[in-house]
């Protein structure tokens, strides 16, 4: 096992070639310097936490919409397991489509009812 503060990396021929190319470009033959440089570039180009918040916001909106669709489609069903499982399926259905943009929950519930009809 490598000492604390060190890590081991499997250097495939392709990875080794990329490390060497980056070393030539930055003028260094130190693997540590090359990796530090690559990590700096990766961190500089990685979206910050705000992107995660946007994704969470979209997930929350999708869940709220799925709950509305469920309420429209199953007004008389009082089964927590059915509700939870169906809302998850509706969320997946919305995610696979256009997230219900520009359509009301009522209109989407009609589409959901057609989509979710058992095959005869």
PDB file of N, CA and C in Angstrom:
ATOM      1  N   UNK A   1       0.846  -1.184   0.000  1.00  0.00           N
ATOM      2  CA  UNK A   1       0.000   0.000   0.000  1.00  0.00           C
ATOM      3  C   UNK A   1       0.890   1.246   0.000  1.00  0.00           C
ATOM      4  N   UNK A   2       0.474   2.240  -0.728  1.00  0.00           N
ATOM      5  CA  UNK A   2       1.254   3.476  -0.832  1.00  0.00           C
ATOM      6  C   UNK A   2       1.173   4.266   0.472  1.00  0.00           C
ATOM      7  N   UNK A   3       2.241   4.999   0.817  1.00  0.00           N
ATOM      8  CA  UNK A   3       2.218   5.815   2.040  1.00  0.00           C
ATOM      9  C   UNK A   3       1.114   6.872   1.960  1.00  0.00           C
ATOM     10  N   UNK A   4       0.657   7.323   3.138  1.00  0.00           N
ATOM     11  CA  UNK A   4      -0.377   8.351   3.194  1.00  0.00           C
ATOM     12  C   UNK A   4       0.089   9.579   2.416  1.00  0.00           C
ATOM     13  N   UNK A   5      -0.812  10.147   1.628  1.00  0.00           N
ATOM     14  CA  UNK A   5      -0.461  11.302   0.825  1.00  0.00           C
ATOM     15  C   UNK A   5       0.010  10.928  -0.573  1.00  0.00           C
ATOM     16  N   UNK A   6       0.145   9.662  -0.823  1.00  0.00           N
ATOM     17  CA  UNK A   6       0.547   9.174  -2.136  1.00  0.00           C
ATOM     18  C   UNK A   6      -0.587   8.328  -2.700  1.00  0.00           C
ATOM     19  N   UNK A   7      -0.637   8.204  -3.994  1.00  0.00           N
ATOM     20  CA  UNK A   7      -1.593   7.286  -4.590  1.00  0.00           C
ATOM     21  C   UNK A   7      -0.916   6.579  -5.747  1.00  0.00           C
ATOM     22  N   UNK A   8      -1.457   5.437  -6.068  1.00  0.00           N
ATOM     23  CA  UNK A   8      -0.936   4.674  -7.196  1.00  0.00           C
ATOM     24  C   UNK A   8      -1.937   4.766  -8.329  1.00  0.00           C
ATOM     25  N   UNK A   9      -1.420   4.784  -9.543  1.00  0.00           N
ATOM     26  CA  UNK A   9      -2.284   4.888 -10.698  1.00  0.00           C
ATOM     27  C   UNK A   9      -1.776   3.915 -11.756  1.00  0.00           C
ATOM     28  N   UNK A  10      -2.674   3.151 -12.301  1.00  0.00           N
ATOM     29  CA  UNK A  10      -2.303   2.228 -13.371  1.00  0.00           C
ATOM     30  C   UNK A  10      -2.086   3.051 -14.629  1.00  0.00           C
ATOM     31  N   UNK A  11      -0.900   2.956 -15.170  1.00  0.00           N
ATOM     32  CA  UNK A  11      -0.565   3.744 -16.353  1.00  0.00           C
ATOM     33  C   UNK A  11      -0.652   2.864 -17.589  1.00  0.00           C
ATOM     34  N   UNK A  12      -1.817   2.881 -18.218  1.00  0.00           N
ATOM     35  CA  UNK A  12      -1.951   2.171 -19.483  1.00  0.00           C
ATOM     36  C   UNK A  12      -1.097   2.902 -20.507  1.00  0.00           C
ATOM     37  N   UNK A  13      -0.779   2.280 -21.615  1.00  0.00           N
ATOM     38  CA  UNK A  13       0.023   2.982 -22.627  1.00  0.00           C
ATOM     39  C   UNK A  13      -0.622   4.295 -23.088  1.00  0.00           C
ATOM     40  N   UNK A  14      -1.943   4.291 -23.224  1.00  0.00           N
ATOM     41  CA  UNK A  14      -2.633   5.516 -23.655  1.00  0.00           C
ATOM     42  C   UNK A  14      -2.521   6.611 -22.598  1.00  0.00           C
ATOM     43  N   UNK A  15      -2.712   6.230 -21.327  1.00  0.00           N
ATOM     44  CA  UNK A  15      -2.623   7.202 -20.234  1.00  0.00           C
ATOM     45  C   UNK A  15      -1.197   7.744 -20.136  1.00  0.00           C
ATOM     46  N   UNK A  16      -0.208   6.854 -20.241  1.00  0.00           N
ATOM     47  CA  UNK A  16       1.185   7.277 -20.169  1.00  0.00           C
ATOM     48  C   UNK A  16       1.510   8.241 -21.309  1.00  0.00           C
ATOM     49  N   UNK A  17       0.980   7.968 -22.491  1.00  0.00           N
ATOM     50  CA  UNK A  17       1.220   8.852 -23.641  1.00  0.00           C
ATOM     51  C   UNK A  17       0.604  10.231 -23.392  1.00  0.00           C
ATOM     52  N   UNK A  18      -0.594  10.263 -22.801  1.00  0.00           N
ATOM     53  CA  UNK A  18      -1.232  11.558 -22.504  1.00  0.00           C
ATOM     54  C   UNK A  18      -0.448  12.317 -21.447  1.00  0.00           C
ATOM     55  N   UNK A  19       0.043  11.609 -20.427  1.00  0.00           N
ATOM     56  CA  UNK A  19       0.848  12.260 -19.386  1.00  0.00           C
ATOM     57  C   UNK A  19       2.115  12.850 -19.999  1.00  0.00           C
ATOM     58  N   UNK A  20       2.785  12.074 -20.853  1.00  0.00           N
ATOM     59  CA  UNK A  20       4.008  12.562 -21.497  1.00  0.00           C
ATOM     60  C   UNK A  20       3.724  13.749 -22.402  1.00  0.00           C
ATOM     61  N   UNK A  21       2.619  13.708 -23.151  1.00  0.00           N
ATOM     62  CA  UNK A  21       2.266  14.828 -24.034  1.00  0.00           C
ATOM     63  C   UNK A  21       1.997  16.092 -23.220  1.00  0.00           C
ATOM     64  N   UNK A  22       1.238  15.954 -22.133  1.00  0.00           N
ATOM     65  CA  UNK A  22       0.985  17.115 -21.285  1.00  0.00           C
ATOM     66  C   UNK A  22       2.290  17.633 -20.691  1.00  0.00           C
ATOM     67  N   UNK A  23       3.182  16.734 -20.290  1.00  0.00           N
ATOM     68  CA  UNK A  23       4.484  17.140 -19.759  1.00  0.00           C
ATOM     69  C   UNK A  23       5.268  17.952 -20.768  1.00  0.00           C
ATOM     70  N   UNK A  24       5.259  17.516 -22.043  1.00  0.00           N
ATOM     71  CA  UNK A  24       5.955  18.276 -23.096  1.00  0.00           C
ATOM     72  C   UNK A  24       5.334  19.663 -23.251  1.00  0.00           C
ATOM     73  N   UNK A  25       4.002  19.731 -23.205  1.00  0.00           N
ATOM     74  CA  UNK A  25       3.327  21.016 -23.402  1.00  0.00           C
ATOM     75  C   UNK A  25       3.598  22.001 -22.273  1.00  0.00           C
ATOM     76  N   UNK A  26       3.711  21.499 -21.040  1.00  0.00           N
ATOM     77  CA  UNK A  26       3.946  22.426 -19.923  1.00  0.00           C
ATOM     78  C   UNK A  26       5.417  22.510 -19.552  1.00  0.00           C
ATOM     79  N   UNK A  27       6.265  21.739 -20.231  1.00  0.00           N
ATOM     80  CA  UNK A  27       7.709  21.803 -20.006  1.00  0.00           C
ATOM     81  C   UNK A  27       8.143  21.170 -18.701  1.00  0.00           C
ATOM     82  N   UNK A  28       7.553  20.020 -18.362  1.00  0.00           N
ATOM     83  CA  UNK A  28       7.934  19.350 -17.123  1.00  0.00           C
ATOM     84  C   UNK A  28       8.004  17.847 -17.354  1.00  0.00           C
ATOM     85  N   UNK A  29       8.967  17.212 -16.653  1.00  0.00           N
ATOM     86  CA  UNK A  29       9.020  15.752 -16.722  1.00  0.00           C
ATOM     87  C   UNK A  29       8.664  15.136 -15.367  1.00  0.00           C
ATOM     88  N   UNK A  30       8.166  15.971 -14.449  1.00  0.00           N
ATOM     89  CA  UNK A  30       7.746  15.501 -13.135  1.00  0.00           C
ATOM     90  C   UNK A  30       6.286  15.052 -13.208  1.00  0.00           C
ATOM     91  N   UNK A  31       6.050  13.777 -12.937  1.00  0.00           N
ATOM     92  CA  UNK A  31       4.681  13.259 -12.984  1.00  0.00           C
ATOM     93  C   UNK A  31       3.789  14.015 -12.009  1.00  0.00           C
ATOM     94  N   UNK A  32       4.294  14.336 -10.825  1.00  0.00           N
ATOM     95  CA  UNK A  32       3.503  15.070  -9.838  1.00  0.00           C
ATOM     96  C   UNK A  32       3.100  16.442 -10.369  1.00  0.00           C
ATOM     97  N   UNK A  33       4.026  17.149 -11.006  1.00  0.00           N
ATOM     98  CA  UNK A  33       3.728  18.470 -11.565  1.00  0.00           C
ATOM     99  C   UNK A  33       2.710  18.359 -12.690  1.00  0.00           C
ATOM    100  N   UNK A  34       2.883  17.348 -13.528  1.00  0.00           N
ATOM    101  CA  UNK A  34       1.954  17.145 -14.644  1.00  0.00           C
ATOM    102  C   UNK A  34       0.546  16.866 -14.121  1.00  0.00           C
ATOM    103  N   UNK A  35       0.436  15.995 -13.113  1.00  0.00           N
ATOM    104  CA  UNK A  35      -0.876  15.664 -12.551  1.00  0.00           C
ATOM    105  C   UNK A  35      -1.481  16.884 -11.861  1.00  0.00           C
ATOM    106  N   UNK A  36      -0.665  17.653 -11.124  1.00  0.00           N
ATOM    107  CA  UNK A  36      -1.164  18.886 -10.501  1.00  0.00           C
ATOM    108  C   UNK A  36      -1.728  19.832 -11.554  1.00  0.00           C
ATOM    109  N   UNK A  37      -1.022  19.964 -12.649  1.00  0.00           N
ATOM    110  CA  UNK A  37      -1.466  20.834 -13.740  1.00  0.00           C
ATOM    111  C   UNK A  37      -2.790  20.332 -14.306  1.00  0.00           C
ATOM    112  N   UNK A  38      -2.873  19.036 -14.571  1.00  0.00           N
ATOM    113  CA  UNK A  38      -4.097  18.456 -15.125  1.00  0.00           C
ATOM    114  C   UNK A  38      -5.270  18.628 -14.159  1.00  0.00           C
ATOM    115  N   UNK A  39      -5.029  18.427 -12.870  1.00  0.00           N
ATOM    116  CA  UNK A  39      -6.087  18.610 -11.879  1.00  0.00           C
ATOM    117  C   UNK A  39      -6.545  20.063 -11.824  1.00  0.00           C
ATOM    118  N   UNK A  40      -5.613  20.986 -11.930  1.00  0.00           N
ATOM    119  CA  UNK A  40      -5.968  22.405 -11.940  1.00  0.00           C
ATOM    120  C   UNK A  40      -6.865  22.752 -13.106  1.00  0.00           C
ATOM    121  N   UNK A  41      -6.528  22.217 -14.277  1.00  0.00           N
ATOM    122  CA  UNK A  41      -7.352  22.455 -15.465  1.00  0.00           C
ATOM    123  C   UNK A  41      -8.740  21.838 -15.263  1.00  0.00           C
ATOM    124  N   UNK A  42      -8.783  20.602 -14.770  1.00  0.00           N
ATOM    125  CA  UNK A  42     -10.062  19.927 -14.564  1.00  0.00           C
ATOM    126  C   UNK A  42     -10.937  20.698 -13.577  1.00  0.00           C
ATOM    127  N   UNK A  43     -10.354  21.165 -12.483  1.00  0.00           N
ATOM    128  CA  UNK A  43     -11.123  21.920 -11.498  1.00  0.00           C
ATOM    129  C   UNK A  43     -11.611  23.246 -12.060  1.00  0.00           C
ATOM    130  N   UNK A  44     -10.794  23.885 -12.882  1.00  0.00           N
ATOM    131  CA  UNK A  44     -11.184  25.163 -13.466  1.00  0.00           C
ATOM    132  C   UNK A  44     -12.357  25.014 -14.429  1.00  0.00           C
ATOM    133  N   UNK A  45     -12.488  23.840 -15.025  1.00  0.00           N
ATOM    134  CA  UNK A  45     -13.538  23.624 -16.022  1.00  0.00           C
ATOM    135  C   UNK A  45     -14.693  22.769 -15.513  1.00  0.00           C
ATOM    136  N   UNK A  46     -14.714  22.505 -14.214  1.00  0.00           N
ATOM    137  CA  UNK A  46     -15.795  21.725 -13.625  1.00  0.00           C
ATOM    138  C   UNK A  46     -16.852  22.686 -13.096  1.00  0.00           C
ATOM    139  N   UNK A  47     -18.122  22.474 -13.461  1.00  0.00           N
ATOM    140  CA  UNK A  47     -19.171  23.370 -12.958  1.00  0.00           C
ATOM    141  C   UNK A  47     -19.194  23.388 -11.434  1.00  0.00           C
ATOM    142  N   UNK A  48     -19.470  24.553 -10.906  1.00  0.00           N
ATOM    143  CA  UNK A  48     -19.517  24.701  -9.458  1.00  0.00           C
ATOM    144  C   UNK A  48     -20.846  24.208  -8.911  1.00  0.00           C
ATOM    145  N   UNK A  49     -21.031  24.317  -7.625  1.00  0.00           N
ATOM    146  CA  UNK A  49     -22.194  23.793  -6.926  1.00  0.00           C
ATOM    147  C   UNK A  49     -23.508  24.337  -7.485  1.00  0.00           C
ATOM    148  N   UNK A  50     -23.517  25.527  -8.074  1.00  0.00           N
ATOM    149  CA  UNK A  50     -24.756  26.086  -8.614  1.00  0.00           C
ATOM    150  C   UNK A  50     -25.386  25.144  -9.633  1.00  0.00           C
ATOM    151  N   UNK A  51     -24.565  24.460 -10.431  1.00  0.00           N
ATOM    152  CA  UNK A  51     -25.108  23.525 -11.420  1.00  0.00           C
ATOM    153  C   UNK A  51     -25.845  22.404 -10.713  1.00  0.00           C
ATOM    154  N   UNK A  52     -25.305  21.957  -9.606  1.00  0.00           N
ATOM    155  CA  UNK A  52     -25.966  20.916  -8.837  1.00  0.00           C
ATOM    156  C   UNK A  52     -27.294  21.429  -8.301  1.00  0.00           C
ATOM    157  N   UNK A  53     -27.319  22.671  -7.860  1.00  0.00           N
ATOM    158  CA  UNK A  53     -28.558  23.256  -7.348  1.00  0.00           C
ATOM    159  C   UNK A  53     -29.604  23.351  -8.460  1.00  0.00           C
ATOM    160  N   UNK A  54     -29.175  23.654  -9.677  1.00  0.00           N
ATOM    161  CA  UNK A  54     -30.096  23.716 -10.808  1.00  0.00           C
ATOM    162  C   UNK A  54     -30.689  22.333 -11.058  1.00  0.00           C
ATOM    163  N   UNK A  55     -29.834  21.313 -11.008  1.00  0.00           N
ATOM    164  CA  UNK A  55     -30.321  19.946 -11.192  1.00  0.00           C
ATOM    165  C   UNK A  55     -31.308  19.567 -10.095  1.00  0.00           C
ATOM    166  N   UNK A  56     -30.988  19.931  -8.852  1.00  0.00           N
ATOM    167  CA  UNK A  56     -31.897  19.635  -7.749  1.00  0.00           C
ATOM    168  C   UNK A  56     -33.215  20.362  -7.939  1.00  0.00           C
ATOM    169  N   UNK A  57     -33.151  21.610  -8.397  1.00  0.00           N
ATOM    170  CA  UNK A  57     -34.361  22.382  -8.638  1.00  0.00           C
ATOM    171  C   UNK A  57     -35.214  21.706  -9.710  1.00  0.00           C
ATOM    172  N   UNK A  58     -34.586  21.240 -10.774  1.00  0.00           N
ATOM    173  CA  UNK A  58     -35.319  20.539 -11.840  1.00  0.00           C
ATOM    174  C   UNK A  58     -35.918  19.245 -11.306  1.00  0.00           C
ATOM    175  N   UNK A  59     -35.162  18.523 -10.482  1.00  0.00           N
ATOM    176  CA  UNK A  59     -35.682  17.288  -9.883  1.00  0.00           C
ATOM    177  C   UNK A  59     -36.877  17.583  -8.989  1.00  0.00           C
ATOM    178  N   UNK A  60     -36.794  18.661  -8.201  1.00  0.00           N
ATOM    179  CA  UNK A  60     -37.907  19.028  -7.317  1.00  0.00           C
ATOM    180  C   UNK A  60     -39.147  19.403  -8.118  1.00  0.00           C
ATOM    181  N   UNK A  61     -38.950  20.175  -9.188  1.00  0.00           N
ATOM    182  CA  UNK A  61     -40.088  20.555 -10.038  1.00  0.00           C
ATOM    183  C   UNK A  61     -40.707  19.325 -10.688  1.00  0.00           C
ATOM    184  N   UNK A  62     -39.849  18.401 -11.141  1.00  0.00           N
ATOM    185  CA  UNK A  62     -40.339  17.173 -11.762  1.00  0.00           C
ATOM    186  C   UNK A  62     -41.140  16.351 -10.757  1.00  0.00           C
ATOM    187  N   UNK A  63     -40.635  16.270  -9.528  1.00  0.00           N
ATOM    188  CA  UNK A  63     -41.344  15.510  -8.485  1.00  0.00           C
ATOM    189  C   UNK A  63     -42.687  16.157  -8.169  1.00  0.00           C
ATOM    190  N   UNK A  64     -42.720  17.479  -8.038  1.00  0.00           N
ATOM    191  CA  UNK A  64     -43.980  18.176  -7.770  1.00  0.00           C
ATOM    192  C   UNK A  64     -44.981  17.942  -8.890  1.00  0.00           C
ATOM    193  N   UNK A  65     -44.508  18.020 -10.129  1.00  0.00           N
ATOM    194  CA  UNK A  65     -45.385  17.793 -11.270  1.00  0.00           C
ATOM    195  C   UNK A  65     -45.883  16.347 -11.279  1.00  0.00           C
ATOM    196  N   UNK A  66     -44.998  15.411 -10.975  1.00  0.00           N
ATOM    197  CA  UNK A  66     -45.397  14.004 -10.922  1.00  0.00           C
ATOM    198  C   UNK A  66     -46.461  13.789  -9.846  1.00  0.00           C
ATOM    199  N   UNK A  67     -46.334  14.471  -8.718  1.00  0.00           N
ATOM    200  CA  UNK A  67     -47.342  14.366  -7.660  1.00  0.00           C
ATOM    201  C   UNK A  67     -48.682  14.923  -8.119  1.00  0.00           C
ATOM    202  N   UNK A  68     -48.655  16.033  -8.852  1.00  0.00           N
ATOM    203  CA  UNK A  68     -49.889  16.608  -9.387  1.00  0.00           C
ATOM    204  C   UNK A  68     -50.542  15.648 -10.391  1.00  0.00           C
ATOM    205  N   UNK A  69     -49.717  15.077 -11.257  1.00  0.00           N
ATOM    206  CA  UNK A  69     -50.244  14.125 -12.249  1.00  0.00           C
ATOM    207  C   UNK A  69     -50.856  12.928 -11.535  1.00  0.00           C
ATOM    208  N   UNK A  70     -50.171  12.437 -10.515  1.00  0.00           N
ATOM    209  CA  UNK A  70     -50.698  11.301  -9.753  1.00  0.00           C
ATOM    210  C   UNK A  70     -52.060  11.653  -9.157  1.00  0.00           C
ATOM    211  N   UNK A  71     -52.156  12.826  -8.557  1.00  0.00           N
ATOM    212  CA  UNK A  71     -53.420  13.245  -7.936  1.00  0.00           C
ATOM    213  C   UNK A  71     -54.539  13.340  -8.960  1.00  0.00           C
ATOM    214  N   UNK A  72     -54.221  13.797 -10.158  1.00  0.00           N
ATOM    215  CA  UNK A  72     -55.218  13.884 -11.229  1.00  0.00           C
ATOM    216  C   UNK A  72     -55.621  12.493 -11.728  1.00  0.00           C
ATOM    217  N   UNK A  73     -54.648  11.611 -11.860  1.00  0.00           N
ATOM    218  CA  UNK A  73     -54.900  10.295 -12.453  1.00  0.00           C
ATOM    219  C   UNK A  73     -55.472   9.276 -11.467  1.00  0.00           C
ATOM    220  N   UNK A  74     -55.152   9.445 -10.200  1.00  0.00           N
ATOM    221  CA  UNK A  74     -55.576   8.457  -9.193  1.00  0.00           C
ATOM    222  C   UNK A  74     -56.223   9.163  -7.994  1.00  0.00           C
ATOM    223  N   UNK A  75     -57.332   9.884  -8.212  1.00  0.00           N
ATOM    224  CA  UNK A  75     -57.907  10.676  -7.120  1.00  0.00           C
ATOM    225  C   UNK A  75     -58.470   9.838  -5.968  1.00  0.00           C
ATOM    226  N   UNK A  76     -58.844   8.606  -6.232  1.00  0.00           N
ATOM    227  CA  UNK A  76     -59.489   7.795  -5.195  1.00  0.00           C
ATOM    228  C   UNK A  76     -58.573   6.717  -4.615  1.00  0.00           C
ATOM    229  N   UNK A  77     -57.328   6.662  -5.059  1.00  0.00           N
ATOM    230  CA  UNK A  77     -56.414   5.629  -4.567  1.00  0.00           C
ATOM    231  C   UNK A  77     -55.743   6.134  -3.294  1.00  0.00           C
ATOM    232  N   UNK A  78     -55.833   5.345  -2.224  1.00  0.00           N
ATOM    233  CA  UNK A  78     -55.233   5.713  -0.940  1.00  0.00           C
ATOM    234  C   UNK A  78     -54.289   4.595  -0.509  1.00  0.00           C
ATOM    235  N   UNK A  79     -53.179   4.480  -1.227  1.00  0.00           N
ATOM    236  CA  UNK A  79     -52.207   3.418  -0.972  1.00  0.00           C
ATOM    237  C   UNK A  79     -50.818   4.049  -1.092  1.00  0.00           C
ATOM    238  N   UNK A  80     -50.134   4.180   0.033  1.00  0.00           N
ATOM    239  CA  UNK A  80     -48.832   4.869   0.038  1.00  0.00           C
ATOM    240  C   UNK A  80     -47.808   4.209  -0.882  1.00  0.00           C
ATOM    241  N   UNK A  81     -47.751   2.892  -0.864  1.00  0.00           N
ATOM    242  CA  UNK A  81     -46.779   2.191  -1.715  1.00  0.00           C
ATOM    243  C   UNK A  81     -47.083   2.450  -3.189  1.00  0.00           C
ATOM    244  N   UNK A  82     -48.373   2.365  -3.557  1.00  0.00           N
ATOM    245  CA  UNK A  82     -48.767   2.638  -4.947  1.00  0.00           C
ATOM    246  C   UNK A  82     -48.398   4.066  -5.326  1.00  0.00           C
ATOM    247  N   UNK A  83     -48.682   5.007  -4.424  1.00  0.00           N
ATOM    248  CA  UNK A  83     -48.378   6.418  -4.682  1.00  0.00           C
ATOM    249  C   UNK A  83     -46.879   6.613  -4.915  1.00  0.00           C
ATOM    250  N   UNK A  84     -46.058   6.100  -3.999  1.00  0.00           N
ATOM    251  CA  UNK A  84     -44.611   6.270  -4.102  1.00  0.00           C
ATOM    252  C   UNK A  84     -44.067   5.652  -5.395  1.00  0.00           C
ATOM    253  N   UNK A  85     -44.459   4.407  -5.670  1.00  0.00           N
ATOM    254  CA  UNK A  85     -43.960   3.714  -6.869  1.00  0.00           C
ATOM    255  C   UNK A  85     -44.436   4.395  -8.154  1.00  0.00           C
ATOM    256  N   UNK A  86     -45.690   4.809  -8.161  1.00  0.00           N
ATOM    257  CA  UNK A  86     -46.237   5.430  -9.375  1.00  0.00           C
ATOM    258  C   UNK A  86     -45.625   6.800  -9.605  1.00  0.00           C
ATOM    259  N   UNK A  87     -45.428   7.565  -8.546  1.00  0.00           N
ATOM    260  CA  UNK A  87     -44.793   8.885  -8.707  1.00  0.00           C
ATOM    261  C   UNK A  87     -43.384   8.726  -9.259  1.00  0.00           C
ATOM    262  N   UNK A  88     -42.651   7.717  -8.792  1.00  0.00           N
ATOM    263  CA  UNK A  88     -41.307   7.462  -9.343  1.00  0.00           C
ATOM    264  C   UNK A  88     -41.390   7.121 -10.832  1.00  0.00           C
ATOM    265  N   UNK A  89     -42.359   6.317 -11.219  1.00  0.00           N
ATOM    266  CA  UNK A  89     -42.528   5.972 -12.642  1.00  0.00           C
ATOM    267  C   UNK A  89     -42.900   7.203 -13.455  1.00  0.00           C
ATOM    268  N   UNK A  90     -43.767   8.048 -12.896  1.00  0.00           N
ATOM    269  CA  UNK A  90     -44.150   9.280 -13.600  1.00  0.00           C
ATOM    270  C   UNK A  90     -42.935  10.190 -13.755  1.00  0.00           C
ATOM    271  N   UNK A  91     -42.113  10.303 -12.709  1.00  0.00           N
ATOM    272  CA  UNK A  91     -40.890  11.108 -12.807  1.00  0.00           C
ATOM    273  C   UNK A  91     -39.979  10.589 -13.916  1.00  0.00           C
ATOM    274  N   UNK A  92     -39.799   9.280 -13.983  1.00  0.00           N
ATOM    275  CA  UNK A  92     -38.983   8.674 -15.046  1.00  0.00           C
ATOM    276  C   UNK A  92     -39.573   8.998 -16.416  1.00  0.00           C
ATOM    277  N   UNK A  93     -40.883   8.911 -16.526  1.00  0.00           N
ATOM    278  CA  UNK A  93     -41.593   9.199 -17.776  1.00  0.00           C
ATOM    279  C   UNK A  93     -41.378  10.657 -18.175  1.00  0.00           C
ATOM    280  N   UNK A  94     -41.479  11.567 -17.199  1.00  0.00           N
ATOM    281  CA  UNK A  94     -41.246  12.987 -17.482  1.00  0.00           C
ATOM    282  C   UNK A  94     -39.799  13.231 -17.908  1.00  0.00           C
ATOM    283  N   UNK A  95     -38.869  12.595 -17.201  1.00  0.00           N
ATOM    284  CA  UNK A  95     -37.445  12.760 -17.495  1.00  0.00           C
ATOM    285  C   UNK A  95     -37.125  12.277 -18.912  1.00  0.00           C
ATOM    286  N   UNK A  96     -37.754  11.192 -19.314  1.00  0.00           N
ATOM    287  CA  UNK A  96     -37.512  10.640 -20.654  1.00  0.00           C
ATOM    288  C   UNK A  96     -38.109  11.527 -21.736  1.00  0.00           C
ATOM    289  N   UNK A  97     -39.104  12.326 -21.372  1.00  0.00           N
ATOM    290  CA  UNK A  97     -39.729  13.234 -22.340  1.00  0.00           C
ATOM    291  C   UNK A  97     -39.131  14.613 -22.241  1.00  0.00           C
ATOM    292  N   UNK A  98     -40.016  15.615 -22.200  1.00  0.00           N
ATOM    293  CA  UNK A  98     -39.542  17.004 -22.143  1.00  0.00           C
ATOM    294  C   UNK A  98     -39.847  17.655 -20.802  1.00  0.00           C
ATOM    295  N   UNK A  99     -40.009  16.835 -19.764  1.00  0.00           N
ATOM    296  CA  UNK A  99     -40.312  17.307 -18.412  1.00  0.00           C
ATOM    297  C   UNK A  99     -41.644  18.048 -18.335  1.00  0.00           C
ATOM    298  N   UNK A 100     -42.511  17.848 -19.316  1.00  0.00           N
ATOM    299  CA  UNK A 100     -43.837  18.451 -19.262  1.00  0.00           C
ATOM    300  C   UNK A 100     -43.860  19.941 -19.513  1.00  0.00           C
ATOM    301  N   UNK A 101     -42.838  20.449 -20.166  1.00  0.00           N
ATOM    302  CA  UNK A 101     -42.744  21.881 -20.443  1.00  0.00           C
ATOM    303  C   UNK A 101     -43.946  22.361 -21.256  1.00  0.00           C
ATOM    304  N   UNK A 102     -44.592  23.417 -20.777  1.00  0.00           N
ATOM    305  CA  UNK A 102     -45.674  24.065 -21.507  1.00  0.00           C
ATOM    306  C   UNK A 102     -46.992  23.306 -21.506  1.00  0.00           C
ATOM    307  N   UNK A 103     -47.134  22.298 -20.647  1.00  0.00           N
ATOM    308  CA  UNK A 103     -48.357  21.504 -20.598  1.00  0.00           C
ATOM    309  C   UNK A 103     -48.827  21.465 -19.144  1.00  0.00           C
ATOM    310  N   UNK A 104     -50.132  21.510 -18.946  1.00  0.00           N
ATOM    311  CA  UNK A 104     -50.665  21.489 -17.584  1.00  0.00           C
ATOM    312  C   UNK A 104     -50.612  20.077 -17.012  1.00  0.00           C
ATOM    313  N   UNK A 105     -50.703  20.003 -15.695  1.00  0.00           N
ATOM    314  CA  UNK A 105     -50.720  18.700 -15.021  1.00  0.00           C
ATOM    315  C   UNK A 105     -51.921  17.880 -15.492  1.00  0.00           C
ATOM    316  N   UNK A 106     -53.041  18.534 -15.706  1.00  0.00           N
ATOM    317  CA  UNK A 106     -54.250  17.827 -16.180  1.00  0.00           C
ATOM    318  C   UNK A 106     -54.001  17.215 -17.553  1.00  0.00           C
ATOM    319  N   UNK A 107     -53.428  17.982 -18.463  1.00  0.00           N
ATOM    320  CA  UNK A 107     -53.131  17.458 -19.810  1.00  0.00           C
ATOM    321  C   UNK A 107     -52.130  16.307 -19.733  1.00  0.00           C
ATOM    322  N   UNK A 108     -51.131  16.460 -18.867  1.00  0.00           N
ATOM    323  CA  UNK A 108     -50.145  15.392 -18.709  1.00  0.00           C
ATOM    324  C   UNK A 108     -50.762  14.151 -18.072  1.00  0.00           C
ATOM    325  N   UNK A 109     -51.722  14.345 -17.172  1.00  0.00           N
ATOM    326  CA  UNK A 109     -52.363  13.181 -16.547  1.00  0.00           C
ATOM    327  C   UNK A 109     -53.129  12.369 -17.588  1.00  0.00           C
ATOM    328  N   UNK A 110     -53.723  13.044 -18.562  1.00  0.00           N
ATOM    329  CA  UNK A 110     -54.416  12.338 -19.649  1.00  0.00           C
ATOM    330  C   UNK A 110     -53.400  11.531 -20.460  1.00  0.00           C
ATOM    331  N   UNK A 111     -52.257  12.157 -20.772  1.00  0.00           N
ATOM    332  CA  UNK A 111     -51.196  11.443 -21.504  1.00  0.00           C
ATOM    333  C   UNK A 111     -50.671  10.274 -20.676  1.00  0.00           C
ATOM    334  N   UNK A 112     -50.493  10.499 -19.367  1.00  0.00           N
ATOM    335  CA  UNK A 112     -50.006   9.441 -18.494  1.00  0.00           C
ATOM    336  C   UNK A 112     -50.989   8.266 -18.478  1.00  0.00           C
ATOM    337  N   UNK A 113     -52.285   8.582 -18.378  1.00  0.00           N
ATOM    338  CA  UNK A 113     -53.289   7.508 -18.344  1.00  0.00           C
ATOM    339  C   UNK A 113     -53.217   6.659 -19.611  1.00  0.00           C
ATOM    340  N   UNK A 114     -53.004   7.320 -20.764  1.00  0.00           N
ATOM    341  CA  UNK A 114     -52.879   6.573 -22.025  1.00  0.00           C
ATOM    342  C   UNK A 114     -51.581   5.756 -22.037  1.00  0.00           C
ATOM    343  N   UNK A 115     -50.521   6.352 -21.550  1.00  0.00           N
ATOM    344  CA  UNK A 115     -49.217   5.669 -21.512  1.00  0.00           C
ATOM    345  C   UNK A 115     -49.235   4.483 -20.581  1.00  0.00           C
ATOM    346  N   UNK A 116     -49.912   4.635 -19.446  1.00  0.00           N
ATOM    347  CA  UNK A 116     -49.878   3.625 -18.395  1.00  0.00           C
ATOM    348  C   UNK A 116     -50.965   2.558 -18.524  1.00  0.00           C
ATOM    349  N   UNK A 117     -51.782   2.649 -19.573  1.00  0.00           N
ATOM    350  CA  UNK A 117     -52.830   1.650 -19.765  1.00  0.00           C
ATOM    351  C   UNK A 117     -52.207   0.267 -19.941  1.00  0.00           C
ATOM    352  N   UNK A 118     -52.784  -0.732 -19.257  1.00  0.00           N
ATOM    353  CA  UNK A 118     -52.250  -2.090 -19.442  1.00  0.00           C
ATOM    354  C   UNK A 118     -52.483  -2.570 -20.868  1.00  0.00           C
ATOM    355  N   UNK A 119     -51.529  -3.301 -21.389  1.00  0.00           N
ATOM    356  CA  UNK A 119     -51.667  -3.845 -22.744  1.00  0.00           C
ATOM    357  C   UNK A 119     -52.729  -4.928 -22.743  1.00  0.00           C
ATOM    358  N   UNK A 120     -53.559  -4.928 -23.760  1.00  0.00           N
ATOM    359  CA  UNK A 120     -54.624  -5.943 -23.841  1.00  0.00           C
ATOM    360  C   UNK A 120     -54.221  -7.130 -24.659  1.00  0.00           C
TER     361      UNK A 120
END
